[in-house]
Protein backbone atom coordinates (compact mmCIF):
# COMPACT_ATOMS: atom_id res chain seq x y z
CA UNK A 1 12.84 23.56 -28.05
CA UNK A 2 16.52 23.22 -28.98
CA UNK A 3 17.91 23.21 -25.42
CA UNK A 4 15.92 22.31 -22.31
CA UNK A 5 18.39 24.16 -20.09
CA UNK A 6 17.02 27.51 -21.26
CA UNK A 7 14.08 26.83 -18.95
CA UNK A 8 14.27 28.48 -15.53
CA UNK A 9 15.10 26.40 -12.46
CA UNK A 10 11.51 26.62 -11.19
CA UNK A 11 10.18 24.95 -14.36
CA UNK A 12 12.85 22.23 -14.34
CA UNK A 13 12.05 21.52 -10.69
CA UNK A 14 8.40 20.92 -11.57
CA UNK A 15 9.48 18.62 -14.41
CA UNK A 16 11.73 16.59 -12.09
CA UNK A 17 8.81 16.14 -9.70
CA UNK A 18 7.34 13.63 -12.16
CA UNK A 19 10.44 11.40 -12.11
CA UNK A 20 10.81 8.43 -9.79
CA UNK A 21 13.92 7.85 -7.67
CA UNK A 22 15.82 5.83 -10.29
CA UNK A 23 15.08 8.37 -13.03
CA UNK A 24 16.27 11.21 -10.80
CA UNK A 25 19.51 9.36 -10.18
CA UNK A 26 20.07 9.07 -13.93
CA UNK A 27 19.10 12.70 -14.55
CA UNK A 28 21.51 13.95 -11.88
CA UNK A 29 24.40 12.51 -13.92
CA UNK A 30 23.44 14.50 -17.03
CA UNK A 31 25.04 17.84 -16.20
CA UNK A 32 26.13 19.99 -13.25
CA UNK A 33 22.98 22.12 -13.39
CA UNK A 34 20.63 19.15 -13.13
CA UNK A 35 22.83 17.62 -10.45
CA UNK A 36 22.61 20.75 -8.28
CA UNK A 37 18.82 20.95 -8.72
CA UNK A 38 18.26 17.30 -7.83
CA UNK A 39 20.47 17.60 -4.72
CA UNK A 40 18.60 20.55 -3.26
CA UNK A 41 16.59 20.20 -0.04
CA UNK A 42 13.31 19.85 -1.96
CA UNK A 43 14.29 16.50 -3.48
CA UNK A 44 16.42 15.32 -0.57
CA UNK A 45 13.31 15.48 1.60
CA UNK A 46 11.65 12.94 -0.68
CA UNK A 47 14.37 10.31 -0.12
CA UNK A 48 14.53 7.92 2.83
CA UNK A 49 17.83 6.53 4.06
CA UNK A 50 17.70 3.00 5.51
CA UNK A 51 20.37 1.67 7.88
CA UNK A 52 20.29 -2.06 8.63
CA UNK A 53 23.12 -2.86 10.97
CA UNK A 54 24.25 -4.26 14.32
CA UNK A 55 26.30 -1.07 14.89
CA UNK A 56 29.33 -2.83 16.42
CA UNK A 57 31.49 0.09 15.32
CA UNK A 58 30.89 3.79 14.86
CA UNK A 59 30.01 5.03 11.40
CA UNK A 60 32.79 6.37 9.21
CA UNK A 61 33.06 10.07 8.46
CA UNK A 62 31.63 9.52 4.99
CA UNK A 63 28.67 7.61 6.41
CA UNK A 64 28.06 10.34 8.97
CA UNK A 65 28.15 12.98 6.22
CA UNK A 66 25.47 11.07 4.29
CA UNK A 67 23.29 10.67 7.38
CA UNK A 68 23.55 14.38 8.18
CA UNK A 69 22.04 15.28 4.81
CA UNK A 70 19.00 13.03 5.08
CA UNK A 71 15.60 14.15 6.33
CA UNK A 72 13.96 10.70 6.50
CA UNK A 73 15.78 7.89 8.30
CA UNK A 74 14.88 4.24 8.88
CA UNK A 75 17.02 2.20 11.28
CA UNK A 76 16.79 -1.59 11.73
CA UNK A 77 18.91 -2.71 14.68
CA UNK A 78 19.84 -6.35 15.20
CA UNK A 79 20.66 -7.31 18.77
CA UNK A 80 23.79 -9.25 19.64
CA UNK A 81 21.85 -11.28 22.21
CA UNK A 82 18.86 -12.37 20.19
CA UNK A 83 16.89 -15.38 21.36
CA UNK A 84 17.61 -18.46 19.31
CA UNK A 85 14.89 -20.55 17.74
CA UNK A 86 16.80 -23.70 18.73
CA UNK A 87 14.94 -25.76 21.31
CA UNK A 88 18.23 -26.50 23.13
CA UNK A 89 18.87 -22.80 23.60
CA UNK A 90 17.74 -22.65 27.25
CA UNK A 91 17.86 -19.94 29.90
CA UNK A 92 21.38 -20.90 31.03
CA UNK A 93 22.66 -20.46 27.49
CA UNK A 94 20.89 -17.10 27.29
CA UNK A 95 22.50 -15.88 30.52
CA UNK A 96 25.92 -17.04 29.32
CA UNK A 97 25.43 -15.11 26.07
CA UNK A 98 24.49 -11.97 27.99
CA UNK A 99 27.62 -12.35 30.18
CA UNK A 100 29.85 -12.60 27.12
CA UNK A 101 28.10 -9.57 25.65
CA UNK A 102 28.89 -7.51 28.78
CA UNK A 103 32.57 -8.51 28.71
CA UNK A 104 32.87 -7.83 25.00
CA UNK A 105 31.81 -4.19 25.35
CA UNK A 106 33.53 -3.54 28.69
CA UNK A 107 36.08 -1.15 27.17
CA UNK A 108 34.19 0.07 24.11
CA UNK A 109 30.79 1.45 23.25
CA UNK A 110 27.93 -0.98 22.81
CA UNK A 111 25.92 -1.04 19.56
CA UNK A 112 23.07 0.68 21.39
CA UNK A 113 25.36 3.52 22.48
CA UNK A 114 26.71 3.85 18.93
CA UNK A 115 23.18 4.12 17.59
CA UNK A 116 22.24 6.66 20.25
CA UNK A 117 25.28 8.78 19.33
CA UNK A 118 24.29 8.55 15.67
CA UNK A 119 20.77 9.86 16.30
CA UNK A 120 21.50 12.51 18.90
CA UNK A 121 25.20 13.33 18.56
CA UNK A 122 25.34 14.60 14.98
CA UNK A 123 22.69 17.32 15.15
CA UNK A 124 20.44 15.60 12.61
CA UNK A 125 17.69 17.61 10.98
CA UNK A 126 15.29 14.67 10.61
CA UNK A 127 11.64 15.10 9.73
CA UNK A 128 10.72 11.40 10.02
CA UNK A 129 12.29 8.54 11.94
CA UNK A 130 11.52 4.81 11.79
CA UNK A 131 13.07 2.59 14.45
CA UNK A 132 12.78 -1.21 14.27
CA UNK A 133 14.36 -2.40 17.50
CA UNK A 134 13.66 -4.21 20.75
CA UNK A 135 11.80 -2.25 23.40
CA UNK A 136 14.65 -2.37 25.96
CA UNK A 137 17.22 -1.22 23.39
CA UNK A 138 14.93 1.52 22.09
CA UNK A 139 14.45 2.85 25.60
CA UNK A 140 18.22 3.02 26.04
CA UNK A 141 18.73 4.59 22.60
CA UNK A 142 16.12 7.33 22.88
CA UNK A 143 15.77 7.87 26.61
CA UNK A 144 14.69 11.48 27.11
CA UNK A 145 16.58 12.80 24.07
CA UNK A 146 13.89 12.65 21.38
CA UNK A 147 13.25 16.38 21.77
CA UNK A 148 16.79 17.04 20.50
CA UNK A 149 15.54 16.25 16.97
CA UNK A 150 13.66 19.51 16.84
CA UNK A 151 11.96 19.26 13.43
CA UNK A 152 10.72 15.68 13.81
CA UNK A 153 7.16 15.34 12.48
CA UNK A 154 6.79 11.58 12.00
CA UNK A 155 7.83 8.82 14.41
CA UNK A 156 7.42 5.07 13.81
CA UNK A 157 8.44 2.60 16.53
CA UNK A 158 8.32 -1.07 15.53
CA UNK A 159 9.24 -3.02 18.64
CA UNK A 160 10.57 -6.54 18.16
CA UNK A 161 9.39 -9.27 20.47
CA UNK A 162 11.65 -11.06 22.93
CA UNK A 163 15.02 -9.64 23.86
CA UNK A 164 17.13 -9.57 26.99
CA UNK A 165 15.47 -10.35 30.30
CA UNK A 166 15.77 -6.98 32.02
CA UNK A 167 14.12 -5.90 35.25
CA UNK A 168 11.01 -3.73 35.10
CA UNK A 169 12.12 -0.13 34.60
CA UNK A 170 8.80 1.58 35.20
CA UNK A 171 6.85 3.89 32.93
CA UNK A 172 8.71 5.33 29.95
CA UNK A 173 7.46 8.71 28.75
CA UNK A 174 8.30 9.83 25.21
CA UNK A 175 7.97 13.58 24.70
CA UNK A 176 8.05 15.72 21.58
CA UNK A 177 6.17 18.92 20.78
CA UNK A 178 6.19 18.77 16.95
CA UNK A 179 5.36 15.13 16.11
CA UNK A 180 2.25 15.05 13.92
CA UNK A 181 2.22 11.37 12.88
CA UNK A 182 2.86 8.53 15.33
CA UNK A 183 2.87 4.77 14.70
CA UNK A 184 3.66 2.21 17.40
CA UNK A 185 3.72 -1.57 16.97
CA UNK A 186 4.04 -3.43 20.25
CA UNK A 187 4.61 -7.17 20.77
CA UNK A 188 2.13 -9.21 22.76
CA UNK A 189 4.02 -8.59 26.01
CA UNK A 190 3.32 -4.85 26.13
CA UNK A 191 5.63 -2.62 28.14
CA UNK A 192 4.70 0.47 30.19
CA UNK A 193 4.84 3.38 27.79
CA UNK A 194 3.20 6.77 27.36
CA UNK A 195 3.44 9.54 24.79
CA UNK A 196 3.29 13.28 25.30
CA UNK A 197 2.87 14.58 21.73
CA UNK A 198 0.56 17.62 21.79
CA UNK A 199 0.76 18.20 18.01
CA UNK A 200 -0.21 14.67 16.92
CA UNK A 201 -2.99 14.39 14.32
CA UNK A 202 -2.35 10.88 12.93
CA UNK A 203 -2.12 7.86 15.23
CA UNK A 204 -1.60 4.18 14.31
CA UNK A 205 -1.52 1.56 17.05
CA UNK A 206 -0.81 -2.12 16.39
CA UNK A 207 -1.81 -4.40 19.27
CA UNK A 208 -4.14 -2.06 21.08
CA UNK A 209 -3.56 -2.21 24.85
CA UNK A 210 -4.04 -0.22 28.06
CA UNK A 211 -1.32 2.35 27.46
CA UNK A 212 -2.46 2.93 23.87
CA UNK A 213 -6.03 3.45 25.11
CA UNK A 214 -4.73 6.24 27.31
CA UNK A 215 -2.99 7.83 24.30
CA UNK A 216 -6.17 7.66 22.20
CA UNK A 217 -8.24 9.11 25.02
CA UNK A 218 -5.78 11.97 25.58
CA UNK A 219 -5.67 13.15 21.95
CA UNK A 220 -9.03 11.96 20.59
CA UNK A 221 -10.37 15.47 19.99
CA UNK A 222 -7.49 16.55 17.72
CA UNK A 223 -6.89 13.38 15.69
CA UNK A 224 -7.53 13.45 11.94
CA UNK A 225 -6.48 9.84 11.31
CA UNK A 226 -6.72 6.83 13.65
CA UNK A 227 -5.66 3.27 12.81
CA UNK A 228 -5.93 0.53 15.42
CA UNK A 229 -5.39 -3.23 15.39
CA UNK A 230 -7.30 -4.90 18.19
CA UNK A 231 -6.19 -7.94 20.16
CA UNK A 232 -9.52 -8.88 21.75
CA UNK A 233 -13.14 -7.89 21.54
CA UNK A 234 -13.14 -5.94 24.79
CA UNK A 235 -10.84 -3.33 23.25
CA UNK A 236 -13.56 -2.35 20.77
CA UNK A 237 -15.85 -1.57 23.69
CA UNK A 238 -13.09 0.59 25.21
CA UNK A 239 -12.68 2.51 21.94
CA UNK A 240 -16.35 3.19 21.22
CA UNK A 241 -17.12 5.63 24.09
CA UNK A 242 -14.49 8.06 22.75
CA UNK A 243 -15.43 11.22 20.81
CA UNK A 244 -13.42 12.21 17.71
CA UNK A 245 -14.83 15.54 16.48
CA UNK A 246 -12.12 16.11 13.81
CA UNK A 247 -11.48 12.54 12.66
CA UNK A 248 -11.65 12.00 8.88
CA UNK A 249 -10.00 8.56 8.53
CA UNK A 250 -10.67 5.55 10.81
CA UNK A 251 -9.29 2.01 10.42
CA UNK A 252 -10.29 -0.78 12.80
CA UNK A 253 -8.64 -4.14 12.22
CA UNK A 254 -9.06 -7.47 14.02
CA UNK A 255 -6.51 -10.28 14.10
CA UNK A 256 -7.57 -13.37 12.17
CA UNK A 257 -7.80 -15.46 15.32
CA UNK A 258 -10.21 -13.05 16.92
CA UNK A 259 -12.30 -12.85 13.77
CA UNK A 260 -12.69 -16.60 13.69
CA UNK A 261 -13.46 -16.71 17.40
CA UNK A 262 -16.29 -14.20 17.23
CA UNK A 263 -17.54 -14.80 13.69
CA UNK A 264 -20.65 -16.71 14.78
CA UNK A 265 -21.31 -14.99 18.11
CA UNK A 266 -24.28 -12.69 18.45
CA UNK A 267 -23.49 -10.18 21.18
CA UNK A 268 -26.24 -7.89 22.50
CA UNK A 269 -25.58 -4.52 20.94
CA UNK A 270 -26.00 -1.18 22.64
CA UNK A 271 -27.40 0.85 19.73
CA UNK A 272 -27.36 4.11 21.68
CA UNK A 273 -23.65 3.72 22.43
CA UNK A 274 -22.89 2.88 18.80
CA UNK A 275 -24.84 5.88 17.57
CA UNK A 276 -22.96 8.13 19.98
CA UNK A 277 -19.69 6.70 18.67
CA UNK A 278 -20.59 7.37 15.02
CA UNK A 279 -22.14 10.77 15.78
CA UNK A 280 -18.95 11.64 17.68
CA UNK A 281 -17.14 11.60 14.29
CA UNK A 282 -19.10 14.25 12.33
CA UNK A 283 -16.28 14.71 9.76
CA UNK A 284 -15.53 11.05 9.04
CA UNK A 285 -14.87 10.48 5.32
CA UNK A 286 -13.01 7.16 5.17
CA UNK A 287 -13.70 4.01 7.20
CA UNK A 288 -11.91 0.65 7.02
CA UNK A 289 -13.28 -2.37 8.89
CA UNK A 290 -11.37 -5.66 8.95
CA UNK A 291 -12.67 -8.75 10.72
CA UNK A 292 -15.96 -10.55 10.82
CA UNK A 293 -17.22 -8.71 13.88
CA UNK A 294 -16.53 -5.02 13.27
CA UNK A 295 -19.17 -4.41 10.60
CA UNK A 296 -21.81 -6.13 12.72
CA UNK A 297 -21.09 -3.69 15.52
CA UNK A 298 -21.22 -0.52 13.44
CA UNK A 299 -23.22 -0.93 10.23
CA UNK A 300 -26.66 0.00 11.60
CA UNK A 301 -25.36 3.17 13.20
CA UNK A 302 -23.36 4.01 10.07
CA UNK A 303 -26.48 3.98 7.94
CA UNK A 304 -28.28 6.28 10.36
CA UNK A 305 -25.57 8.73 11.37
CA UNK A 306 -22.60 8.70 8.95
CA UNK A 307 -23.83 11.32 6.48
CA UNK A 308 -20.30 12.47 5.58
CA UNK A 309 -18.74 9.08 4.76
CA UNK A 310 -17.26 8.99 1.24
CA UNK A 311 -15.11 5.82 1.28
CA UNK A 312 -15.83 2.44 2.91
CA UNK A 313 -13.41 -0.51 2.91
CA UNK A 314 -14.56 -3.94 4.11
CA UNK A 315 -11.92 -6.66 4.51
CA UNK A 316 -12.19 -10.26 5.70
CA UNK A 317 -15.91 -10.09 6.43
CA UNK A 318 -18.76 -12.57 6.43
CA UNK A 319 -21.57 -10.18 5.62
CA UNK A 320 -25.22 -10.97 5.86
CA UNK A 321 -27.08 -9.64 2.84
CA UNK A 322 -29.32 -7.48 5.03
CA UNK A 323 -26.27 -5.77 6.52
CA UNK A 324 -24.77 -5.20 3.07
CA UNK A 325 -27.99 -3.54 1.95
CA UNK A 326 -27.68 -0.99 4.77
CA UNK A 327 -24.52 0.30 3.06
CA UNK A 328 -26.77 1.56 0.28
CA UNK A 329 -28.21 4.10 2.73
CA UNK A 330 -24.94 6.04 2.97
CA UNK A 331 -25.90 9.11 0.90
CA UNK A 332 -22.41 10.47 0.05
CA UNK A 333 -20.52 7.21 -0.40
CA UNK A 334 -18.39 7.42 -3.55
CA UNK A 335 -15.89 4.60 -3.06
CA UNK A 336 -16.57 1.03 -1.88
CA UNK A 337 -13.99 -1.74 -1.49
CA UNK A 338 -14.99 -5.31 -0.62
CA UNK A 339 -11.92 -7.51 -0.15
CA UNK A 340 -11.82 -11.18 0.86
CA UNK A 341 -15.46 -11.08 1.93
CA UNK A 342 -18.39 -13.41 1.52
CA UNK A 343 -22.04 -12.39 1.43
CA UNK A 344 -24.31 -14.78 3.32
CA UNK A 345 -27.57 -15.20 1.40
CA UNK A 346 -30.78 -16.65 2.83
CA UNK A 347 -31.80 -17.94 -0.61
CA UNK A 348 -30.27 -18.69 -4.01
CA UNK A 349 -30.86 -15.10 -5.11
CA UNK A 350 -27.69 -13.25 -6.11
CA UNK A 351 -26.81 -10.01 -4.26
CA UNK A 352 -27.35 -6.65 -5.91
CA UNK A 353 -26.39 -3.11 -4.94
CA UNK A 354 -28.45 0.02 -5.61
CA UNK A 355 -25.89 2.79 -5.25
CA UNK A 356 -26.30 5.29 -8.10
CA UNK A 357 -23.88 7.73 -6.44
CA UNK A 358 -20.95 5.24 -6.31
CA UNK A 359 -17.96 6.16 -8.51
CA UNK A 360 -15.20 3.74 -7.43
CA UNK A 361 -15.85 0.05 -6.77
CA UNK A 362 -13.31 -2.67 -5.86
CA UNK A 363 -14.38 -6.31 -5.55
CA UNK A 364 -11.19 -8.18 -4.62
CA UNK A 365 -10.75 -11.88 -3.82
CA UNK A 366 -14.52 -12.09 -3.64
CA UNK A 367 -15.82 -15.55 -4.50
CA UNK A 368 -19.53 -14.74 -4.22
CA UNK A 369 -21.36 -13.59 -7.34
CA UNK A 370 -22.78 -10.08 -7.55
CA UNK A 371 -25.05 -8.65 -10.20
CA UNK A 372 -23.76 -5.54 -11.94
CA UNK A 373 -27.08 -3.97 -12.82
CA UNK A 374 -28.32 -0.40 -13.31
CA UNK A 375 -27.85 0.30 -9.61
CA UNK A 376 -24.11 0.82 -10.23
CA UNK A 377 -24.47 2.86 -13.41
CA UNK A 378 -22.35 5.80 -12.14
CA UNK A 379 -19.22 3.72 -11.44
CA UNK A 380 -16.15 5.22 -13.19
CA UNK A 381 -13.44 2.93 -11.80
CA UNK A 382 -13.86 -0.82 -11.32
CA UNK A 383 -11.33 -3.31 -9.95
CA UNK A 384 -12.63 -6.86 -10.14
CA UNK A 385 -11.35 -10.34 -9.29
CA UNK A 386 -12.69 -13.07 -11.59
CA UNK A 387 -12.85 -16.60 -10.18
CA UNK A 388 -15.65 -18.27 -12.13
CA UNK A 389 -15.04 -20.13 -15.39
CA UNK A 390 -18.09 -18.45 -16.93
CA UNK A 391 -16.65 -15.00 -16.36
CA UNK A 392 -18.03 -13.74 -19.66
CA UNK A 393 -21.45 -13.34 -18.00
CA UNK A 394 -20.01 -10.95 -15.42
CA UNK A 395 -18.17 -8.86 -18.01
CA UNK A 396 -21.24 -8.72 -20.25
CA UNK A 397 -23.22 -7.24 -17.35
CA UNK A 398 -20.43 -4.76 -16.69
CA UNK A 399 -20.40 -3.64 -20.33
CA UNK A 400 -24.18 -3.31 -20.49
CA UNK A 401 -24.88 -1.53 -17.19
CA UNK A 402 -21.80 0.59 -16.44
CA UNK A 403 -21.78 3.18 -19.25
CA UNK A 404 -19.66 5.70 -17.28
CA UNK A 405 -16.77 3.30 -16.72
CA UNK A 406 -13.37 4.89 -17.45
CA UNK A 407 -10.92 2.51 -15.73
CA UNK A 408 -11.25 -1.28 -15.60
CA UNK A 409 -8.78 -3.54 -13.80
CA UNK A 410 -9.27 -7.32 -13.96
CA UNK A 411 -7.50 -9.76 -11.62
CA UNK A 412 -7.78 -13.14 -13.30
CA UNK A 413 -7.36 -16.39 -11.40
CA UNK A 414 -8.97 -18.42 -14.17
CA UNK A 415 -8.71 -18.31 -17.95
CA UNK A 416 -10.72 -15.49 -19.47
CA UNK A 417 -13.53 -16.80 -21.65
CA UNK A 418 -13.06 -16.38 -25.37
CA UNK A 419 -16.19 -14.21 -25.66
CA UNK A 420 -15.60 -12.16 -22.50
CA UNK A 421 -14.53 -9.02 -24.44
CA UNK A 422 -17.24 -9.26 -27.11
CA UNK A 423 -19.26 -6.31 -25.78
CA UNK A 424 -16.42 -4.11 -24.54
CA UNK A 425 -17.24 -1.52 -27.24
CA UNK A 426 -20.30 -0.53 -25.19
CA UNK A 427 -17.92 1.10 -22.70
CA UNK A 428 -17.66 4.27 -24.76
CA UNK A 429 -15.77 6.19 -22.04
CA UNK A 430 -13.21 3.51 -21.15
CA UNK A 431 -9.68 4.98 -21.16
CA UNK A 432 -7.65 2.43 -19.17
CA UNK A 433 -7.75 -1.39 -19.21
CA UNK A 434 -5.49 -3.57 -17.06
CA UNK A 435 -5.06 -7.34 -16.70
CA UNK A 436 -3.30 -9.05 -13.81
CA UNK A 437 -2.05 -12.64 -13.40
CA UNK A 438 -3.47 -13.75 -16.76
CA UNK A 439 -4.26 -12.04 -20.03
CA UNK A 440 -6.88 -12.80 -22.69
CA UNK A 441 -6.09 -15.55 -25.15
CA UNK A 442 -5.64 -15.07 -28.88
CA UNK A 443 -9.27 -16.10 -29.50
CA UNK A 444 -10.48 -13.63 -26.89
CA UNK A 445 -8.71 -10.79 -28.67
CA UNK A 446 -10.18 -11.88 -32.01
CA UNK A 447 -13.67 -11.52 -30.53
CA UNK A 448 -12.82 -8.08 -29.12
CA UNK A 449 -14.38 -5.21 -31.12
CA UNK A 450 -12.66 -1.92 -31.86
CA UNK A 451 -12.60 0.39 -28.84
CA UNK A 452 -11.60 3.87 -29.93
CA UNK A 453 -11.36 5.79 -26.63
CA UNK A 454 -8.91 3.39 -24.92
CA UNK A 455 -5.55 5.08 -24.31
CA UNK A 456 -3.78 2.83 -21.79
CA UNK A 457 -3.43 -0.97 -21.84
CA UNK A 458 -1.49 -2.71 -19.04
CA UNK A 459 -0.45 -6.28 -18.26
CA UNK A 460 1.02 -7.35 -14.89
CA UNK A 461 2.33 -10.81 -14.03
CA UNK A 462 1.02 -12.17 -17.33
CA UNK A 463 2.34 -14.74 -19.79
CA UNK A 464 1.65 -14.49 -23.51
CA UNK A 465 3.13 -15.59 -26.83
CA UNK A 466 4.01 -13.58 -29.90
CA UNK A 467 0.66 -13.89 -31.78
CA UNK A 468 -1.23 -12.83 -28.65
CA UNK A 469 1.12 -9.87 -28.15
CA UNK A 470 0.46 -8.65 -31.68
CA UNK A 471 -3.30 -9.07 -31.23
CA UNK A 472 -3.49 -7.01 -28.02
CA UNK A 473 -3.11 -3.63 -29.66
CA UNK A 474 -5.16 -3.97 -32.86
CA UNK A 475 -8.59 -3.23 -31.32
CA UNK A 476 -7.35 0.08 -29.87
CA UNK A 477 -6.40 2.60 -32.57
CA UNK A 478 -5.93 5.51 -30.11
CA UNK A 479 -3.65 3.53 -27.77
CA UNK A 480 -0.76 5.66 -26.55
CA UNK A 481 0.48 3.71 -23.52
CA UNK A 482 1.29 0.01 -23.47
CA UNK A 483 2.55 -1.24 -20.10
CA UNK A 484 4.13 -4.60 -19.21
CA UNK A 485 5.09 -5.35 -15.62
CA UNK A 486 6.81 -8.65 -14.73
CA UNK A 487 5.44 -10.35 -17.82
CA UNK A 488 6.79 -13.35 -19.72
CA UNK A 489 6.48 -13.12 -23.51
CA UNK A 490 7.21 -16.41 -25.24
CA UNK A 491 8.63 -16.80 -28.74
CA UNK A 492 8.96 -13.04 -29.26
CA UNK A 493 11.14 -12.15 -32.25
CA UNK A 494 12.70 -8.85 -33.24
CA UNK A 495 10.13 -8.42 -35.99
CA UNK A 496 7.29 -8.77 -33.52
CA UNK A 497 8.81 -6.17 -31.23
CA UNK A 498 9.10 -3.68 -34.09
CA UNK A 499 5.55 -4.47 -35.20
CA UNK A 500 4.19 -3.63 -31.77
CA UNK A 501 6.29 -0.51 -31.60
CA UNK A 502 5.26 0.75 -35.04
CA UNK A 503 1.56 0.18 -34.37
CA UNK A 504 1.35 2.12 -31.12
CA UNK A 505 0.86 5.88 -31.20
CA UNK A 506 3.53 6.36 -28.57
CA UNK A 507 3.84 10.12 -28.23
CA UNK A 508 3.28 10.11 -24.45
CA UNK A 509 4.50 6.63 -23.61
CA UNK A 510 7.53 6.20 -21.38
CA UNK A 511 10.14 3.48 -21.16
CA UNK A 512 10.79 2.43 -17.58
CA UNK A 513 13.60 0.16 -16.44
CA UNK A 514 14.64 -0.76 -19.96
CA UNK A 515 17.65 -2.59 -18.54
CA UNK A 516 15.25 -5.35 -17.45
CA UNK A 517 14.30 -6.17 -21.06
CA UNK A 518 16.04 -9.46 -21.82
CA UNK A 519 16.16 -11.37 -25.09
CA UNK A 520 17.59 -14.86 -24.81
CA UNK A 521 19.40 -16.33 -27.85
CA UNK A 522 19.74 -19.81 -26.44
CA UNK A 523 17.60 -21.36 -29.16
CA UNK A 524 18.30 -19.27 -32.27
CA UNK A 525 20.58 -16.77 -33.94
CA UNK A 526 18.12 -13.91 -33.57
CA UNK A 527 19.86 -10.62 -32.74
CA UNK A 528 18.73 -9.04 -29.47
CA UNK A 529 16.74 -5.82 -29.71
CA UNK A 530 18.67 -2.82 -28.44
CA UNK A 531 16.95 -0.14 -26.39
CA UNK A 532 17.57 2.44 -29.12
CA UNK A 533 15.76 0.23 -31.64
CA UNK A 534 12.91 -0.23 -29.22
CA UNK A 535 12.15 3.46 -28.76
CA UNK A 536 13.12 5.00 -32.07
CA UNK A 537 9.61 6.38 -32.60
CA UNK A 538 8.04 6.22 -29.18
CA UNK A 539 8.43 4.20 -26.04
CA UNK A 540 6.68 1.15 -24.70
CA UNK A 541 6.53 0.88 -20.94
CA UNK A 542 8.10 -2.27 -19.63
CA UNK A 543 9.03 -3.35 -16.13
CA UNK A 544 10.76 -6.69 -16.00
CA UNK A 545 9.76 -8.24 -19.35
CA UNK A 546 11.46 -11.52 -20.14
CA UNK A 547 11.34 -12.46 -23.83
CA UNK A 548 12.55 -15.75 -25.28
CA UNK A 549 13.50 -15.48 -28.95
CA UNK A 550 13.35 -18.81 -30.77
């Protein structure tokens, strides 16, 4: 095609959908046609404007014009009378500061009034609003005016702790008929608050308390997504009697202190109540449990009643092996994530999982060993943290028993054994391979056999030298995407860069953030590689690569 502008606007719009924010900014400066397309409402809705300010003064006309055009707004308000961390900052000093604050804004608008005028005095057409502010200030800013933002669909209130010592103002009711997604994060000293949001389908509550329990109870039958962070164990008992007939996504998190407090406690369980709770969610597809007590309360009922569950995420758990085996009984489970967990074994036997239906498996920050045997043969995507020095045994099991594997991501906190990649050619369907925190050594790559199907190779937060860089691509003749993210490449010369570039079949490979590619000449007279030289044939993805030419 000689000129891309012969394409209709509809086709160009679909093409621009694949660009990130920085790439769209660059594309908008290409020509007037592209600029007009990228400034239409479709793309403006995908941008979020963030205002971080004290709002001493009103916004300028230019600033107001920018705010009027945005559909997604995030406001972080800093109070003039914030509590100091200084131990000498006593109550008398606080009262004196509040007195000065009142005198300062005696003949002009306060920052809170300026912010209220910004939100409700410009006729904003917002679809989502995030407010990070103190509760007292937020109440003064919003008041009963939230309904004036008529198209608002998402509201996030992140209340800061502390603030001015104001008298109790009674119950604050927030009303809006079109809000579909609501997130509220309250400090430990919860304030009286209620929501009247008849269209809400997604609810996230941080620091679950009495008023949030009322909100959950009021809209439980229409929620599709519920995320709660509990403060004490009694709140789980308050949540369990509820019925959620349409819920598809549930996240229950416990603070670390509570997890430690109840980790070793055996509480008498009401199995009938737990079964009613699970059976009250007949459409549940995703469940996240964080804390050492949540799985104990639900796992037995999950195995018996959760026939629709497709994704299970376990975080910060001490799991008895018997409880882990009950997860195998979930018939439709396709994705399992075990993060920062430890399996408690009654003997020296290593845990195994028999889940032939599982397709996606993540084992993150998991220091216990697990046997990758035939029971996980259907896994297509594996994300694995390697802690042990003898990690080659784990990877050999993966290569032998996971023939369907297509994507493999390794998080390395130890050096990868030199023979760890020896059997990688048995993964005949592997298309993507990623290393984080540490990459294979030069000897490891020399032991790596040729893997024809691999198309994408990625390194994140890795350090390697020039010989290792040149060895990474040789075992993969069909490689078309080489990705470096925040990597340090030592002793990398211009010749080595061209050698890597010439070897890769880079028809579909992109160059991202090429301005971050740095070649230092502090130790030699080597000429830096220009971006045009780097992508004369294709493009190698890079995101913050630092190369030292010596």
